[in-house]
N, C-alpha and C. Protein backbone atom coordinates (compact mmCIF):
# COMPACT_ATOMS: atom_id res chain seq x y z
N MET A 1 0.89 -0.99 -0.16
CA MET A 1 0.02 0.00 0.07
C MET A 1 0.89 1.54 0.22
N LYS A 2 0.49 2.25 -0.94
CA LYS A 2 1.29 3.26 -0.89
C LYS A 2 0.33 4.57 -0.35
N THR A 3 1.07 5.48 0.29
CA THR A 3 0.48 6.54 0.74
C THR A 3 1.09 7.95 0.44
N GLN A 4 0.29 8.83 0.14
CA GLN A 4 0.84 10.34 0.17
C GLN A 4 1.30 11.11 1.11
N ASP A 5 1.30 10.67 2.15
CA ASP A 5 1.94 11.15 3.44
C ASP A 5 3.13 11.57 3.22
N ILE A 6 3.73 12.94 3.56
CA ILE A 6 5.04 13.12 3.94
C ILE A 6 5.43 13.74 5.33
N PHE A 7 6.46 13.38 5.62
CA PHE A 7 6.72 13.82 7.26
C PHE A 7 8.13 14.45 6.95
N ILE A 8 7.95 15.59 7.93
CA ILE A 8 9.29 16.58 7.80
C ILE A 8 9.58 16.68 9.21
N ALA A 9 11.01 16.01 9.37
CA ALA A 9 11.44 16.35 10.66
C ALA A 9 12.56 17.03 10.76
N HIS A 10 12.85 17.53 11.97
CA HIS A 10 13.97 18.56 11.99
C HIS A 10 14.92 18.39 13.32
N PRO A 11 15.61 17.44 13.14
CA PRO A 11 16.57 16.99 13.98
C PRO A 11 17.21 18.18 14.28
N GLN A 12 17.87 18.24 15.79
CA GLN A 12 18.67 19.35 16.06
C GLN A 12 20.24 18.92 16.57
N THR A 13 20.54 17.76 16.52
CA THR A 13 21.67 17.05 16.95
C THR A 13 22.10 16.08 15.99
N SER A 14 23.39 15.71 15.80
CA SER A 14 23.79 14.61 14.94
C SER A 14 23.31 13.43 15.21
N GLU A 15 23.08 13.28 16.72
CA GLU A 15 22.51 11.94 17.26
C GLU A 15 21.08 11.83 16.69
N GLN A 16 20.57 12.77 16.74
CA GLN A 16 18.98 12.75 16.46
C GLN A 16 18.84 12.25 14.86
N VAL A 17 19.92 12.91 14.07
CA VAL A 17 20.09 12.71 12.52
C VAL A 17 20.39 11.08 12.20
N SER A 18 21.35 10.59 13.04
CA SER A 18 21.75 9.18 12.89
C SER A 18 20.61 8.24 13.42
N ALA A 19 19.81 8.69 14.27
CA ALA A 19 18.88 7.75 15.08
C ALA A 19 17.71 7.62 13.97
N LEU A 20 17.41 8.88 13.33
CA LEU A 20 15.95 8.81 12.38
C LEU A 20 16.75 8.26 11.12
N LYS A 21 17.84 8.23 10.45
CA LYS A 21 18.38 7.48 9.38
C LYS A 21 18.43 5.64 9.65
N ALA A 22 18.88 5.51 10.97
CA ALA A 22 18.87 3.98 11.49
C ALA A 22 17.35 3.85 11.47
N PHE A 23 16.56 4.42 12.07
CA PHE A 23 15.06 3.83 11.95
C PHE A 23 14.32 3.99 10.71
N MET A 24 14.57 4.78 9.80
CA MET A 24 14.08 4.70 8.77
C MET A 24 14.72 3.41 7.67
N GLU A 25 15.95 3.24 7.93
CA GLU A 25 16.51 2.06 7.17
C GLU A 25 15.93 0.88 7.84
N ALA A 26 15.79 0.68 9.03
CA ALA A 26 15.33 -0.48 9.67
C ALA A 26 13.94 -0.85 9.06
N LEU A 27 13.16 0.15 9.12
CA LEU A 27 11.59 0.05 8.36
C LEU A 27 11.75 -0.03 7.13
N LYS A 28 12.77 0.03 6.32
CA LYS A 28 13.05 -0.06 4.78
C LYS A 28 11.84 1.23 4.11
N ILE A 29 11.98 2.23 4.82
CA ILE A 29 11.21 3.13 4.31
C ILE A 29 12.25 4.30 3.43
N LYS A 30 11.66 4.61 2.19
CA LYS A 30 12.67 5.41 1.41
C LYS A 30 12.70 6.83 1.93
N PHE A 31 13.80 7.45 2.00
CA PHE A 31 13.85 8.74 2.54
C PHE A 31 14.91 9.48 1.88
N GLU A 32 14.89 10.79 1.88
CA GLU A 32 15.96 11.78 1.41
C GLU A 32 16.21 12.85 2.23
N ILE A 33 17.61 13.50 2.43
CA ILE A 33 17.93 14.40 3.18
C ILE A 33 18.19 15.36 2.49
N ALA A 34 17.21 16.56 2.50
CA ALA A 34 17.73 17.91 1.74
C ALA A 34 18.94 18.62 2.40
N LYS A 35 19.61 19.03 1.52
CA LYS A 35 20.83 19.91 2.12
C LYS A 35 20.61 21.23 1.46
N GLY A 36 20.01 22.09 1.96
CA GLY A 36 19.74 23.44 1.24
C GLY A 36 19.05 24.55 2.16
N LYS A 37 18.92 25.67 1.55
CA LYS A 37 18.53 26.82 2.25
C LYS A 37 17.20 26.30 2.83
N SER A 38 16.53 26.91 3.78
CA SER A 38 15.09 27.03 4.29
C SER A 38 14.55 28.11 3.20
N TYR A 39 13.07 28.13 3.53
CA TYR A 39 12.15 29.15 2.87
C TYR A 39 12.81 30.60 3.35
N ASN A 40 12.58 31.51 2.62
CA ASN A 40 12.68 32.89 3.02
C ASN A 40 11.89 33.14 3.99
N PRO A 41 12.24 33.91 5.04
CA PRO A 41 11.23 33.96 6.31
C PRO A 41 10.30 34.75 5.96
N ASP A 42 10.17 35.73 5.01
CA ASP A 42 9.20 37.00 4.71
C ASP A 42 8.26 35.99 4.21
N PHE A 43 8.55 34.96 3.36
CA PHE A 43 7.49 34.07 2.52
C PHE A 43 7.11 33.06 3.64
N VAL A 44 7.48 32.42 4.70
CA VAL A 44 6.94 32.18 5.54
C VAL A 44 6.03 32.94 6.50
N ASN A 45 6.23 33.88 6.68
CA ASN A 45 5.51 34.90 7.27
C ASN A 45 3.97 35.00 6.78
N LYS A 46 4.47 35.26 5.69
CA LYS A 46 3.25 35.61 4.59
C LYS A 46 2.15 34.39 4.78
N ILE A 47 2.66 33.11 4.56
CA ILE A 47 2.00 32.00 4.26
C ILE A 47 1.26 31.95 5.78
N GLU A 48 1.77 31.83 7.03
CA GLU A 48 1.58 31.81 8.36
C GLU A 48 0.20 32.96 8.65
N GLU A 49 0.44 33.91 7.84
CA GLU A 49 -0.67 35.20 8.08
C GLU A 49 -1.90 34.59 7.35
N SER A 50 -1.69 33.99 5.85
CA SER A 50 -2.69 33.58 5.34
C SER A 50 -3.46 32.35 5.83
N ARG A 51 -2.79 31.69 6.60
CA ARG A 51 -3.60 30.56 7.20
C ARG A 51 -4.20 31.16 8.47
N GLU A 52 -3.58 31.92 9.48
CA GLU A 52 -4.44 32.50 10.26
C GLU A 52 -6.02 33.13 9.80
N GLN A 53 -5.51 33.86 8.62
CA GLN A 53 -6.95 34.74 8.31
C GLN A 53 -7.85 33.59 7.66
N ALA A 54 -7.62 32.58 7.05
CA ALA A 54 -8.41 31.46 6.91
C ALA A 54 -9.10 30.73 7.88
N LYS A 55 -8.25 30.62 8.81
CA LYS A 55 -8.80 29.92 10.21
C LYS A 55 -9.96 30.73 10.69
N SER A 56 -9.57 32.30 10.72
CA SER A 56 -10.58 33.14 11.25
C SER A 56 -11.58 33.58 10.48
N GLY A 57 -12.02 32.90 9.16
CA GLY A 57 -12.96 33.25 8.30
C GLY A 57 -12.80 34.59 7.44
N LYS A 58 -11.53 35.08 7.25
CA LYS A 58 -11.08 36.36 6.60
C LYS A 58 -10.84 35.95 5.16
N VAL A 59 -12.07 35.58 4.29
CA VAL A 59 -11.56 34.80 3.16
C VAL A 59 -12.65 35.37 2.19
N THR A 60 -12.19 35.03 0.86
CA THR A 60 -13.27 35.78 -0.08
C THR A 60 -13.72 34.46 -1.06
N ARG A 61 -14.81 34.45 -1.06
CA ARG A 61 -15.63 33.05 -1.66
C ARG A 61 -15.90 33.74 -3.07
N VAL A 62 -15.66 32.76 -4.11
CA VAL A 62 -16.06 32.99 -5.26
C VAL A 62 -16.85 31.99 -5.81
N GLU A 63 -18.48 31.92 -6.44
CA GLU A 63 -18.85 31.04 -6.92
C GLU A 63 -18.44 30.60 -8.31
N LYS A 64 -18.44 29.49 -8.66
CA LYS A 64 -17.84 29.11 -9.92
C LYS A 64 -18.41 29.95 -11.17
N GLU A 65 -19.64 29.96 -11.26
CA GLU A 65 -20.21 30.76 -12.52
C GLU A 65 -19.86 32.52 -12.27
N ASN A 66 -19.28 32.80 -11.18
CA ASN A 66 -18.94 34.44 -11.06
C ASN A 66 -17.57 34.38 -11.18
N LEU A 67 -16.76 33.27 -11.50
CA LEU A 67 -15.08 33.34 -11.53
C LEU A 67 -14.85 34.20 -12.59
N LYS A 68 -15.19 34.32 -14.05
CA LYS A 68 -14.40 35.02 -14.93
C LYS A 68 -14.99 36.48 -14.71
N GLU A 69 -15.93 36.80 -13.91
CA GLU A 69 -16.40 38.36 -13.64
C GLU A 69 -15.37 38.49 -12.35
N PHE A 70 -14.98 37.78 -11.51
CA PHE A 70 -14.11 38.18 -10.28
C PHE A 70 -12.80 38.33 -10.93
N LEU A 71 -12.30 37.75 -11.92
CA LEU A 71 -11.02 37.75 -12.20
C LEU A 71 -10.88 38.77 -13.46
N GLY A 72 -11.85 39.38 -13.86
CA GLY A 72 -12.12 40.52 -14.85
C GLY A 72 -11.63 39.81 -16.23
N LEU A 73 -12.29 38.72 -16.55
CA LEU A 73 -11.94 37.88 -17.84
C LEU A 73 -13.17 38.44 -18.70
């Protein structure tokens, strides 16, 4: 059975990294280790702000039949 679930862990020590790698290998779970920059903090803040707005109901809903008008097409 395949699943679309993705888990993102943030180990803070080399021991945690080693333990996670050993755990994944023991269970024969495919994994990758990303070595790169994290997201731009301003971008992350905007996303978090948008999530909070959505939670509090500050959204604009557009019915499908009104979509072209809403987009100005």
